[in-house]
Each structure stands twice: as structure tokens, then as C-alpha cells.
Amino acid sequence: MTGPTTAIAQCRAALGEAPRRFSWFDKFRYLRIPRSDWVEREDPLAGILKAQNVLLAEGRLVWGALVQANSALFERGRDDLPAAVIYSPDTAVFDDSPDLLCDIAQELYRLKGTRQKDPELAAFSRMLASEMDREMRLEVPRRLTGSATVYCTDIIVARRHLPGRVLNEPVFPLLIAPERTAMTMMLPSRFWPTPA
């Protein structure tokens, strides 16, 4: 069985070192997330569409964990839809332990719609309950992360990037390029390890 460190290392090897170049066909027929009708120009998620070339060419890979997603993503379908995820740039901590990210994601989800006296926790409660408020790289309170730096962000889940076009896994590789953009995208599954 492939362990978490081996799996993320295999993804990094399959994707290759930055800067990366892709064929026209790969870039425009598979790798790029197309604009969906629901992504309006002022929607912060539109920034992902603008940043995806940078993320694909220069981004680095980290584990991401699902906080919440549009429920239609858990069934076969055609539409690309939003999800809230968390990730950490601290690969030394999380490459071996993506399950720690899952635990933090579950803690955040439990805040959804609850009354919180703490202003930071209250902000997450409201954001997750709204499901329409978009956040790009909002730092998760350290009391939930064991002092590690962890960010919550919204992404567009592209069906073509999912195995079987369904969101089945609570953890998956994400591309980040924090020096260039606050945006994040899921690594297309072509670069994921083949299940044993």
C-alpha cells in the first residue's frame, strides 16, 4: 500500500519540476478548468481561472483536505462546482500525516452555523454556513492546528480532474503558488498515483 509521503512524492514526480510546459492539447483540453456559467466575473473563484496557468506551471504540491463541498460532487455529474478545503505549506509536517489535515477539516466543519464567542471561530462558522462567502487563503486559528500554519480556501472542483468524475476522497493533492497568487487548485488526477 502506498503511504502518504510516497503518494505525494509520486504526484510530484509525475507532475515534474517547475517551470513546467504542457502541450496545447493537454493545457486546453484537460488541465485547464473551463469557466462555468455560475462563476461570475466578480466571484473570487474567477481568480482561479486566471491563476491556473501559474499554478500548473509553477505551483508546488501539498496535501489538501475537504472541509465541505457542493453535495452534487459526491455523485456522477457534469458540472464543475465549488468546495472549501484546507492545506498547509508546511510539507515537513503534513506530507507524512494528511490525516491531521482531515482532523482539522472536521473541526472546522463542526463550527458550521454554530454560535461562537471567539471572533475567529465565529468568522469560520458564518463563512461555512453561508456557502456563498468565498475565502481565499484564510488562516485557520492556531488553536485548531497545533500551531501549524494552515489555510482554508475555496476551489473549483473540475469533474475532469477527478477519478471517475466523482469526489470520493477527503484528501487530495493541491497546487499552491503563494508567492504569486492566493488561488489554489486540485492537481488533475492524471498525476495521482494509480491505486494498488
N, C-alpha and C. Protein backbone atom coordinates (compact mmCIF):
# COMPACT_ATOMS: atom_id res chain seq x y z
N MET A 1 0.84 -1.18 0.00
CA MET A 1 0.00 0.00 0.00
C MET A 1 0.89 1.25 0.00
N THR A 2 0.49 2.23 -0.73
CA THR A 2 1.26 3.46 -0.84
C THR A 2 0.98 4.35 0.36
N GLY A 3 2.03 4.77 1.06
CA GLY A 3 1.86 5.67 2.19
C GLY A 3 1.70 7.11 1.72
N PRO A 4 1.29 8.00 2.64
CA PRO A 4 1.05 9.39 2.25
C PRO A 4 2.27 10.09 1.67
N THR A 5 3.45 9.87 2.28
CA THR A 5 4.65 10.53 1.78
C THR A 5 4.99 10.02 0.39
N THR A 6 4.89 8.70 0.21
CA THR A 6 5.17 8.11 -1.10
C THR A 6 4.18 8.63 -2.13
N ALA A 7 2.90 8.74 -1.76
CA ALA A 7 1.87 9.18 -2.70
C ALA A 7 2.12 10.61 -3.16
N ILE A 8 2.41 11.53 -2.24
CA ILE A 8 2.65 12.92 -2.64
C ILE A 8 3.95 13.02 -3.42
N ALA A 9 4.94 12.20 -3.08
CA ALA A 9 6.20 12.18 -3.83
C ALA A 9 5.96 11.68 -5.26
N GLN A 10 5.09 10.68 -5.42
CA GLN A 10 4.77 10.19 -6.76
C GLN A 10 4.04 11.25 -7.58
N CYS A 11 3.16 12.01 -6.93
CA CYS A 11 2.48 13.11 -7.62
C CYS A 11 3.49 14.15 -8.09
N ARG A 12 4.43 14.50 -7.21
CA ARG A 12 5.45 15.49 -7.56
C ARG A 12 6.31 15.00 -8.72
N ALA A 13 6.67 13.74 -8.70
CA ALA A 13 7.48 13.18 -9.78
C ALA A 13 6.70 13.17 -11.10
N ALA A 14 5.42 12.79 -11.04
CA ALA A 14 4.61 12.73 -12.25
C ALA A 14 4.39 14.12 -12.85
N LEU A 15 4.22 15.11 -12.00
CA LEU A 15 3.99 16.48 -12.47
C LEU A 15 5.27 17.09 -13.02
N GLY A 16 6.39 16.82 -12.37
CA GLY A 16 7.68 17.34 -12.82
C GLY A 16 8.04 18.65 -12.14
N GLU A 17 9.28 19.02 -12.34
CA GLU A 17 9.82 20.24 -11.73
C GLU A 17 9.29 21.48 -12.45
N ALA A 18 9.13 22.55 -11.69
CA ALA A 18 8.77 23.85 -12.28
C ALA A 18 10.03 24.51 -12.82
N PRO A 19 9.89 25.32 -13.85
CA PRO A 19 8.66 25.62 -14.59
C PRO A 19 8.31 24.47 -15.54
N ARG A 20 7.00 24.20 -15.63
CA ARG A 20 6.51 23.09 -16.44
C ARG A 20 5.90 23.60 -17.73
N ARG A 21 6.02 22.81 -18.76
CA ARG A 21 5.38 23.13 -20.03
C ARG A 21 4.48 21.95 -20.41
N PHE A 22 3.33 22.27 -20.95
CA PHE A 22 2.38 21.24 -21.35
C PHE A 22 2.02 21.45 -22.81
N SER A 23 1.62 20.39 -23.45
CA SER A 23 1.17 20.51 -24.84
C SER A 23 -0.10 21.36 -24.89
N TRP A 24 -0.36 21.92 -26.05
CA TRP A 24 -1.58 22.71 -26.23
C TRP A 24 -2.80 21.85 -25.90
N PHE A 25 -2.80 20.62 -26.39
CA PHE A 25 -3.95 19.74 -26.16
C PHE A 25 -4.16 19.51 -24.67
N ASP A 26 -3.09 19.17 -23.95
CA ASP A 26 -3.22 18.94 -22.51
C ASP A 26 -3.70 20.19 -21.79
N LYS A 27 -3.09 21.31 -22.13
CA LYS A 27 -3.42 22.55 -21.42
C LYS A 27 -4.87 22.94 -21.61
N PHE A 28 -5.36 22.87 -22.84
CA PHE A 28 -6.70 23.41 -23.10
C PHE A 28 -7.80 22.35 -23.10
N ARG A 29 -7.46 21.09 -23.25
CA ARG A 29 -8.50 20.07 -23.27
C ARG A 29 -8.62 19.29 -21.98
N TYR A 30 -7.59 19.33 -21.14
CA TYR A 30 -7.66 18.55 -19.90
C TYR A 30 -7.26 19.36 -18.67
N LEU A 31 -6.14 20.01 -18.69
CA LEU A 31 -5.62 20.63 -17.47
C LEU A 31 -6.39 21.87 -17.03
N ARG A 32 -6.77 22.70 -17.96
CA ARG A 32 -7.44 23.95 -17.60
C ARG A 32 -8.88 23.70 -17.14
N ILE A 33 -9.28 24.46 -16.12
CA ILE A 33 -10.67 24.44 -15.65
C ILE A 33 -11.46 25.41 -16.52
N PRO A 34 -12.48 24.94 -17.23
CA PRO A 34 -13.27 25.86 -18.05
C PRO A 34 -14.18 26.73 -17.17
N ARG A 35 -14.55 27.90 -17.67
CA ARG A 35 -15.45 28.78 -16.93
C ARG A 35 -16.86 28.19 -16.95
N SER A 36 -17.44 28.04 -15.75
CA SER A 36 -18.83 27.60 -15.62
C SER A 36 -19.73 28.83 -15.58
N ASP A 37 -20.98 28.66 -15.99
CA ASP A 37 -21.92 29.78 -16.03
C ASP A 37 -22.12 30.42 -14.65
N TRP A 38 -21.99 29.62 -13.59
CA TRP A 38 -22.24 30.15 -12.24
C TRP A 38 -21.08 30.99 -11.70
N VAL A 39 -19.92 30.94 -12.35
CA VAL A 39 -18.76 31.72 -11.89
C VAL A 39 -18.84 33.10 -12.53
N GLU A 40 -19.34 34.06 -11.77
CA GLU A 40 -19.46 35.41 -12.28
C GLU A 40 -18.12 36.13 -12.17
N ARG A 41 -17.95 37.17 -12.96
CA ARG A 41 -16.66 37.87 -13.01
C ARG A 41 -16.22 38.40 -11.66
N GLU A 42 -17.16 38.84 -10.82
CA GLU A 42 -16.79 39.38 -9.51
C GLU A 42 -16.65 38.30 -8.43
N ASP A 43 -16.98 37.06 -8.77
CA ASP A 43 -16.81 35.95 -7.83
C ASP A 43 -15.31 35.73 -7.62
N PRO A 44 -14.85 35.68 -6.37
CA PRO A 44 -13.42 35.42 -6.14
C PRO A 44 -12.92 34.14 -6.81
N LEU A 45 -13.81 33.17 -7.02
CA LEU A 45 -13.39 31.93 -7.69
C LEU A 45 -12.96 32.18 -9.13
N ALA A 46 -13.40 33.27 -9.73
CA ALA A 46 -12.93 33.61 -11.07
C ALA A 46 -11.42 33.82 -11.08
N GLY A 47 -10.86 34.19 -9.93
CA GLY A 47 -9.41 34.35 -9.83
C GLY A 47 -8.66 33.05 -10.07
N ILE A 48 -9.29 31.92 -9.75
CA ILE A 48 -8.65 30.62 -10.01
C ILE A 48 -8.49 30.41 -11.51
N LEU A 49 -9.51 30.80 -12.27
CA LEU A 49 -9.45 30.64 -13.72
C LEU A 49 -8.31 31.47 -14.30
N LYS A 50 -8.08 32.63 -13.73
CA LYS A 50 -6.99 33.49 -14.20
C LYS A 50 -5.63 32.98 -13.75
N ALA A 51 -5.57 32.34 -12.57
CA ALA A 51 -4.29 31.92 -11.99
C ALA A 51 -3.89 30.50 -12.35
N GLN A 52 -4.75 29.75 -13.01
CA GLN A 52 -4.46 28.33 -13.20
C GLN A 52 -3.22 28.08 -14.05
N ASN A 53 -2.90 28.94 -15.00
CA ASN A 53 -1.66 28.73 -15.78
C ASN A 53 -0.44 28.82 -14.88
N VAL A 54 -0.45 29.80 -13.95
CA VAL A 54 0.65 29.96 -13.00
C VAL A 54 0.72 28.74 -12.09
N LEU A 55 -0.42 28.30 -11.59
CA LEU A 55 -0.44 27.15 -10.68
C LEU A 55 0.08 25.89 -11.37
N LEU A 56 -0.34 25.66 -12.60
CA LEU A 56 0.11 24.47 -13.32
C LEU A 56 1.60 24.53 -13.67
N ALA A 57 2.07 25.70 -14.05
CA ALA A 57 3.46 25.82 -14.49
C ALA A 57 4.44 25.93 -13.32
N GLU A 58 4.03 26.62 -12.25
CA GLU A 58 4.97 26.95 -11.18
C GLU A 58 4.57 26.45 -9.80
N GLY A 59 3.34 25.98 -9.65
CA GLY A 59 2.85 25.61 -8.33
C GLY A 59 3.60 24.45 -7.71
N ARG A 60 3.53 24.41 -6.39
CA ARG A 60 4.10 23.26 -5.68
C ARG A 60 2.96 22.47 -5.05
N LEU A 61 3.23 21.20 -4.80
CA LEU A 61 2.18 20.29 -4.35
C LEU A 61 2.17 20.12 -2.84
N VAL A 62 0.97 20.19 -2.29
CA VAL A 62 0.74 19.94 -0.87
C VAL A 62 -0.53 19.11 -0.75
N TRP A 63 -0.69 18.47 0.39
CA TRP A 63 -1.96 17.78 0.65
C TRP A 63 -3.04 18.80 0.96
N GLY A 64 -4.24 18.53 0.48
CA GLY A 64 -5.41 19.30 0.84
C GLY A 64 -6.44 18.38 1.46
N ALA A 65 -7.28 18.94 2.32
CA ALA A 65 -8.35 18.14 2.94
C ALA A 65 -9.67 18.88 2.76
N LEU A 66 -10.69 18.12 2.47
CA LEU A 66 -12.01 18.68 2.22
C LEU A 66 -12.68 19.12 3.52
N VAL A 67 -13.18 20.36 3.53
CA VAL A 67 -14.00 20.84 4.64
C VAL A 67 -15.46 20.66 4.28
N GLN A 68 -15.86 21.18 3.12
CA GLN A 68 -17.22 20.96 2.63
C GLN A 68 -17.22 21.19 1.12
N ALA A 69 -18.22 20.60 0.46
CA ALA A 69 -18.33 20.74 -0.99
C ALA A 69 -19.79 20.72 -1.38
N ASN A 70 -20.07 21.25 -2.54
CA ASN A 70 -21.40 21.13 -3.11
C ASN A 70 -21.75 19.64 -3.16
N SER A 71 -22.89 19.27 -2.63
CA SER A 71 -23.23 17.85 -2.48
C SER A 71 -23.30 17.11 -3.81
N ALA A 72 -23.55 17.81 -4.91
CA ALA A 72 -23.61 17.15 -6.22
C ALA A 72 -22.26 16.55 -6.61
N LEU A 73 -21.17 17.03 -6.02
CA LEU A 73 -19.85 16.50 -6.36
C LEU A 73 -19.65 15.06 -5.88
N PHE A 74 -20.49 14.61 -4.95
CA PHE A 74 -20.34 13.26 -4.42
C PHE A 74 -21.08 12.22 -5.27
N GLU A 75 -21.67 12.67 -6.37
CA GLU A 75 -22.35 11.79 -7.31
C GLU A 75 -21.84 12.10 -8.71
N ARG A 76 -22.03 11.16 -9.62
CA ARG A 76 -21.60 11.42 -11.01
C ARG A 76 -22.39 12.59 -11.56
N GLY A 77 -21.70 13.41 -12.32
CA GLY A 77 -22.35 14.56 -12.92
C GLY A 77 -21.43 15.26 -13.89
N ARG A 78 -21.90 16.37 -14.43
CA ARG A 78 -21.13 17.09 -15.43
C ARG A 78 -20.58 18.41 -14.91
N ASP A 79 -21.25 19.00 -13.93
CA ASP A 79 -20.90 20.36 -13.53
C ASP A 79 -19.67 20.41 -12.64
N ASP A 80 -18.81 21.39 -12.92
CA ASP A 80 -17.72 21.74 -12.01
C ASP A 80 -18.34 22.61 -10.92
N LEU A 81 -17.96 22.35 -9.65
CA LEU A 81 -18.64 23.00 -8.53
C LEU A 81 -17.63 23.39 -7.45
N PRO A 82 -18.03 24.27 -6.53
CA PRO A 82 -17.09 24.75 -5.51
C PRO A 82 -16.97 23.82 -4.31
N ALA A 83 -15.84 23.96 -3.63
CA ALA A 83 -15.58 23.26 -2.38
C ALA A 83 -14.68 24.12 -1.52
N ALA A 84 -14.79 23.93 -0.22
CA ALA A 84 -13.87 24.57 0.73
C ALA A 84 -12.88 23.51 1.19
N VAL A 85 -11.61 23.85 1.14
CA VAL A 85 -10.55 22.92 1.51
C VAL A 85 -9.56 23.62 2.43
N ILE A 86 -8.74 22.82 3.10
CA ILE A 86 -7.63 23.37 3.86
C ILE A 86 -6.34 22.73 3.37
N TYR A 87 -5.24 23.45 3.58
CA TYR A 87 -3.92 22.95 3.23
C TYR A 87 -2.90 23.67 4.08
N SER A 88 -1.71 23.14 4.10
CA SER A 88 -0.60 23.79 4.78
C SER A 88 0.61 23.80 3.86
N PRO A 89 1.33 24.92 3.83
CA PRO A 89 2.59 24.93 3.07
C PRO A 89 3.70 24.17 3.78
N ASP A 90 3.44 23.74 5.01
CA ASP A 90 4.44 23.05 5.83
C ASP A 90 4.48 21.57 5.47
N THR A 91 5.22 21.25 4.41
CA THR A 91 5.27 19.86 3.94
C THR A 91 5.98 18.95 4.93
N ALA A 92 6.89 19.50 5.74
CA ALA A 92 7.61 18.66 6.71
C ALA A 92 6.65 18.04 7.71
N VAL A 93 5.58 18.74 8.03
CA VAL A 93 4.59 18.22 8.99
C VAL A 93 3.55 17.35 8.31
N PHE A 94 3.02 17.79 7.16
CA PHE A 94 1.83 17.16 6.61
C PHE A 94 2.07 16.17 5.48
N ASP A 95 3.25 16.12 4.88
CA ASP A 95 3.49 15.10 3.85
C ASP A 95 3.26 13.70 4.40
N ASP A 96 3.70 13.46 5.64
CA ASP A 96 3.53 12.15 6.28
C ASP A 96 2.15 11.97 6.91
N SER A 97 1.46 13.08 7.17
CA SER A 97 0.25 12.98 8.00
C SER A 97 -0.91 13.80 7.45
N PRO A 98 -1.39 13.49 6.23
CA PRO A 98 -2.55 14.22 5.74
C PRO A 98 -3.80 13.98 6.59
N ASP A 99 -3.78 12.88 7.39
CA ASP A 99 -4.92 12.63 8.28
C ASP A 99 -5.05 13.75 9.32
N LEU A 100 -3.94 14.41 9.68
CA LEU A 100 -4.02 15.56 10.59
C LEU A 100 -4.82 16.69 9.95
N LEU A 101 -4.65 16.88 8.64
CA LEU A 101 -5.45 17.89 7.94
C LEU A 101 -6.93 17.50 7.95
N CYS A 102 -7.22 16.21 7.80
CA CYS A 102 -8.62 15.75 7.86
C CYS A 102 -9.23 16.07 9.22
N ASP A 103 -8.46 15.86 10.28
CA ASP A 103 -8.96 16.16 11.63
C ASP A 103 -9.27 17.64 11.77
N ILE A 104 -8.39 18.50 11.26
CA ILE A 104 -8.61 19.94 11.33
C ILE A 104 -9.84 20.33 10.49
N ALA A 105 -9.96 19.72 9.32
CA ALA A 105 -11.11 20.00 8.45
C ALA A 105 -12.42 19.63 9.14
N GLN A 106 -12.43 18.50 9.85
CA GLN A 106 -13.64 18.09 10.56
C GLN A 106 -13.96 19.06 11.70
N GLU A 107 -12.91 19.53 12.39
CA GLU A 107 -13.14 20.53 13.45
C GLU A 107 -13.75 21.79 12.88
N LEU A 108 -13.25 22.24 11.74
CA LEU A 108 -13.81 23.43 11.10
C LEU A 108 -15.26 23.20 10.69
N TYR A 109 -15.53 22.04 10.10
CA TYR A 109 -16.90 21.76 9.66
C TYR A 109 -17.87 21.74 10.83
N ARG A 110 -17.40 21.26 11.98
CA ARG A 110 -18.27 21.24 13.17
C ARG A 110 -18.65 22.65 13.64
N LEU A 111 -17.87 23.65 13.24
CA LEU A 111 -18.20 25.04 13.59
C LEU A 111 -19.35 25.58 12.76
N LYS A 112 -19.63 24.97 11.63
CA LYS A 112 -20.60 25.50 10.67
C LYS A 112 -21.94 25.83 11.32
N GLY A 113 -22.32 27.11 11.23
CA GLY A 113 -23.62 27.54 11.73
C GLY A 113 -23.77 27.58 13.23
N THR A 114 -22.68 27.39 13.98
CA THR A 114 -22.78 27.43 15.43
C THR A 114 -22.48 28.83 15.95
N ARG A 115 -22.92 29.11 17.16
CA ARG A 115 -22.63 30.40 17.79
C ARG A 115 -21.28 30.30 18.48
N GLN A 116 -20.41 31.22 18.16
CA GLN A 116 -19.07 31.22 18.72
C GLN A 116 -18.76 32.60 19.30
N LYS A 117 -18.23 32.62 20.52
CA LYS A 117 -17.83 33.89 21.12
C LYS A 117 -16.52 34.39 20.54
N ASP A 118 -15.64 33.47 20.22
CA ASP A 118 -14.35 33.84 19.65
C ASP A 118 -14.56 34.40 18.24
N PRO A 119 -14.07 35.60 17.94
CA PRO A 119 -14.31 36.20 16.63
C PRO A 119 -13.75 35.40 15.45
N GLU A 120 -12.58 34.77 15.63
CA GLU A 120 -12.01 33.97 14.54
C GLU A 120 -12.88 32.75 14.24
N LEU A 121 -13.31 32.07 15.29
CA LEU A 121 -14.14 30.88 15.09
C LEU A 121 -15.52 31.27 14.55
N ALA A 122 -16.04 32.41 15.01
CA ALA A 122 -17.33 32.91 14.53
C ALA A 122 -17.26 33.20 13.02
N ALA A 123 -16.13 33.74 12.57
CA ALA A 123 -15.97 34.03 11.14
C ALA A 123 -16.04 32.75 10.32
N PHE A 124 -15.40 31.67 10.78
CA PHE A 124 -15.47 30.39 10.06
C PHE A 124 -16.88 29.83 10.12
N SER A 125 -17.54 29.95 11.25
CA SER A 125 -18.91 29.45 11.38
C SER A 125 -19.82 30.12 10.36
N ARG A 126 -19.71 31.44 10.23
CA ARG A 126 -20.55 32.19 9.28
C ARG A 126 -20.19 31.84 7.84
N MET A 127 -18.89 31.79 7.53
CA MET A 127 -18.45 31.52 6.17
C MET A 127 -18.95 30.15 5.70
N LEU A 128 -18.80 29.13 6.54
CA LEU A 128 -19.20 27.78 6.14
C LEU A 128 -20.72 27.66 6.05
N ALA A 129 -21.43 28.36 6.92
CA ALA A 129 -22.89 28.30 6.89
C ALA A 129 -23.44 29.00 5.66
N SER A 130 -22.80 30.08 5.26
CA SER A 130 -23.26 30.85 4.11
C SER A 130 -23.14 30.06 2.81
N GLU A 131 -22.04 29.35 2.64
CA GLU A 131 -21.71 28.59 1.45
C GLU A 131 -21.59 29.45 0.19
N MET A 132 -21.83 30.75 0.32
CA MET A 132 -21.66 31.66 -0.81
C MET A 132 -20.55 32.66 -0.55
N ASP A 133 -20.14 32.80 0.70
CA ASP A 133 -19.00 33.66 1.01
C ASP A 133 -17.75 32.92 0.56
N ARG A 134 -16.92 33.58 -0.19
CA ARG A 134 -15.70 32.95 -0.70
C ARG A 134 -14.51 33.47 0.09
N GLU A 135 -13.64 32.57 0.44
CA GLU A 135 -12.39 32.95 1.12
C GLU A 135 -11.23 32.34 0.37
N MET A 136 -10.21 33.15 0.20
CA MET A 136 -9.01 32.68 -0.47
C MET A 136 -7.85 32.83 0.51
N ARG A 137 -7.36 31.71 0.99
CA ARG A 137 -6.21 31.65 1.89
C ARG A 137 -6.47 32.38 3.21
N LEU A 138 -7.53 31.97 3.88
CA LEU A 138 -7.85 32.48 5.21
C LEU A 138 -7.16 31.57 6.23
N GLU A 139 -6.34 32.15 7.09
CA GLU A 139 -5.59 31.32 8.04
C GLU A 139 -6.52 30.73 9.09
N VAL A 140 -6.35 29.45 9.33
CA VAL A 140 -7.13 28.73 10.34
C VAL A 140 -6.53 29.06 11.71
N PRO A 141 -7.39 29.34 12.70
CA PRO A 141 -6.87 29.67 14.04
C PRO A 141 -5.90 28.60 14.56
N ARG A 142 -4.80 29.06 15.11
CA ARG A 142 -3.72 28.15 15.55
C ARG A 142 -4.20 27.17 16.62
N ARG A 143 -5.20 27.53 17.39
CA ARG A 143 -5.67 26.61 18.44
C ARG A 143 -6.28 25.33 17.84
N LEU A 144 -6.64 25.39 16.54
CA LEU A 144 -7.18 24.21 15.87
C LEU A 144 -6.13 23.42 15.10
N THR A 145 -4.95 24.02 14.95
CA THR A 145 -3.96 23.41 14.05
C THR A 145 -2.72 22.87 14.77
N GLY A 146 -2.69 22.96 16.10
CA GLY A 146 -1.49 22.53 16.81
C GLY A 146 -0.31 23.42 16.50
N SER A 147 -0.57 24.68 16.24
CA SER A 147 0.39 25.75 15.95
C SER A 147 0.96 25.70 14.54
N ALA A 148 0.55 24.72 13.70
CA ALA A 148 0.99 24.69 12.30
C ALA A 148 0.24 25.76 11.51
N THR A 149 0.86 26.25 10.45
CA THR A 149 0.20 27.19 9.56
C THR A 149 -0.68 26.41 8.60
N VAL A 150 -1.98 26.68 8.67
CA VAL A 150 -2.96 26.01 7.82
C VAL A 150 -3.90 27.07 7.27
N TYR A 151 -4.25 26.94 6.00
CA TYR A 151 -5.15 27.90 5.36
C TYR A 151 -6.41 27.19 4.88
N CYS A 152 -7.50 27.94 4.93
CA CYS A 152 -8.76 27.49 4.35
C CYS A 152 -8.98 28.31 3.08
N THR A 153 -9.41 27.65 2.03
CA THR A 153 -9.62 28.35 0.77
C THR A 153 -10.72 27.67 -0.01
N ASP A 154 -11.30 28.39 -0.92
CA ASP A 154 -12.29 27.82 -1.82
C ASP A 154 -11.62 27.46 -3.14
N ILE A 155 -12.07 26.37 -3.73
CA ILE A 155 -11.56 25.93 -5.03
C ILE A 155 -12.74 25.59 -5.94
N ILE A 156 -12.44 25.47 -7.21
CA ILE A 156 -13.40 24.90 -8.16
C ILE A 156 -12.97 23.46 -8.39
N VAL A 157 -13.86 22.53 -8.13
CA VAL A 157 -13.56 21.12 -8.38
C VAL A 157 -13.99 20.81 -9.81
N ALA A 158 -12.99 20.57 -10.66
CA ALA A 158 -13.24 20.25 -12.06
C ALA A 158 -13.50 18.76 -12.18
N ARG A 159 -14.65 18.40 -12.70
CA ARG A 159 -15.00 16.98 -12.85
C ARG A 159 -13.94 16.22 -13.63
N ARG A 160 -13.39 16.84 -14.67
CA ARG A 160 -12.41 16.14 -15.50
C ARG A 160 -11.14 15.82 -14.73
N HIS A 161 -10.93 16.47 -13.59
CA HIS A 161 -9.74 16.25 -12.79
C HIS A 161 -9.94 15.18 -11.71
N LEU A 162 -11.16 14.66 -11.58
CA LEU A 162 -11.47 13.66 -10.55
C LEU A 162 -11.47 12.25 -11.13
N PRO A 163 -10.94 11.27 -10.40
CA PRO A 163 -11.10 9.89 -10.86
C PRO A 163 -12.59 9.54 -10.90
N GLY A 164 -13.07 9.10 -12.04
CA GLY A 164 -14.48 8.75 -12.17
C GLY A 164 -15.42 9.94 -12.13
N ARG A 165 -14.87 11.16 -12.16
CA ARG A 165 -15.66 12.40 -12.16
C ARG A 165 -16.49 12.59 -10.89
N VAL A 166 -16.09 11.91 -9.80
CA VAL A 166 -16.79 11.99 -8.51
C VAL A 166 -15.77 12.30 -7.42
N LEU A 167 -16.16 13.15 -6.47
CA LEU A 167 -15.29 13.48 -5.34
C LEU A 167 -15.47 12.41 -4.27
N ASN A 168 -14.51 11.47 -4.22
CA ASN A 168 -14.61 10.33 -3.30
C ASN A 168 -13.65 10.40 -2.14
N GLU A 169 -12.63 11.21 -2.23
CA GLU A 169 -11.56 11.21 -1.23
C GLU A 169 -11.59 12.47 -0.37
N PRO A 170 -11.34 12.33 0.93
CA PRO A 170 -11.30 13.52 1.80
C PRO A 170 -9.97 14.27 1.72
N VAL A 171 -8.92 13.62 1.19
CA VAL A 171 -7.63 14.29 0.99
C VAL A 171 -7.19 14.08 -0.46
N PHE A 172 -6.50 15.09 -0.99
CA PHE A 172 -6.05 15.05 -2.37
C PHE A 172 -4.96 16.10 -2.54
N PRO A 173 -4.14 15.97 -3.57
CA PRO A 173 -3.07 16.94 -3.78
C PRO A 173 -3.60 18.25 -4.36
N LEU A 174 -3.06 19.36 -3.85
CA LEU A 174 -3.40 20.70 -4.32
C LEU A 174 -2.16 21.39 -4.84
N LEU A 175 -2.35 22.26 -5.81
CA LEU A 175 -1.29 23.13 -6.31
C LEU A 175 -1.42 24.50 -5.66
N ILE A 176 -0.33 24.98 -5.08
CA ILE A 176 -0.29 26.32 -4.50
C ILE A 176 0.93 27.06 -5.05
N ALA A 177 0.81 28.37 -5.12
CA ALA A 177 1.94 29.22 -5.52
C ALA A 177 1.82 30.52 -4.73
N PRO A 178 2.03 30.46 -3.40
CA PRO A 178 1.72 31.61 -2.54
C PRO A 178 2.52 32.86 -2.86
N GLU A 179 3.67 32.71 -3.50
CA GLU A 179 4.46 33.89 -3.87
C GLU A 179 3.82 34.64 -5.04
N ARG A 180 2.96 33.94 -5.80
CA ARG A 180 2.37 34.52 -7.00
C ARG A 180 0.87 34.77 -6.89
N THR A 181 0.17 33.92 -6.11
CA THR A 181 -1.29 34.04 -6.07
C THR A 181 -1.83 33.41 -4.80
N ALA A 182 -2.97 33.92 -4.34
CA ALA A 182 -3.68 33.32 -3.21
C ALA A 182 -4.55 32.16 -3.66
N MET A 183 -4.65 31.94 -4.96
CA MET A 183 -5.53 30.91 -5.51
C MET A 183 -4.89 29.52 -5.40
N THR A 184 -5.75 28.53 -5.43
CA THR A 184 -5.35 27.13 -5.27
C THR A 184 -6.18 26.29 -6.23
N MET A 185 -5.62 25.19 -6.70
CA MET A 185 -6.43 24.27 -7.50
C MET A 185 -6.01 22.83 -7.20
N MET A 186 -6.95 21.92 -7.42
CA MET A 186 -6.68 20.49 -7.25
C MET A 186 -5.76 20.02 -8.37
N LEU A 187 -4.80 19.17 -8.02
CA LEU A 187 -3.97 18.56 -9.04
C LEU A 187 -4.83 17.60 -9.87
N PRO A 188 -4.82 17.74 -11.20
CA PRO A 188 -5.59 16.80 -12.02
C PRO A 188 -5.17 15.35 -11.74
N SER A 189 -6.15 14.47 -11.71
CA SER A 189 -5.91 13.09 -11.26
C SER A 189 -4.99 12.31 -12.19
N ARG A 190 -4.73 12.79 -13.38
CA ARG A 190 -3.77 12.12 -14.26
C ARG A 190 -2.41 11.98 -13.58
N PHE A 191 -2.10 12.90 -12.66
CA PHE A 191 -0.81 12.90 -11.99
C PHE A 191 -0.84 12.20 -10.63
N TRP A 192 -2.00 11.65 -10.26
CA TRP A 192 -2.11 10.93 -8.99
C TRP A 192 -1.56 9.51 -9.16
N PRO A 193 -1.09 8.91 -8.07
CA PRO A 193 -0.64 7.51 -8.18
C PRO A 193 -1.81 6.59 -8.52
N THR A 194 -1.51 5.54 -9.25
CA THR A 194 -2.54 4.54 -9.55
C THR A 194 -2.79 3.71 -8.29
N PRO A 195 -4.06 3.57 -7.86
CA PRO A 195 -4.32 2.76 -6.66
C PRO A 195 -3.81 1.34 -6.83
N ALA A 196 -3.30 0.80 -5.71
CA ALA A 196 -2.75 -0.57 -5.76
C ALA A 196 -3.88 -1.58 -5.82
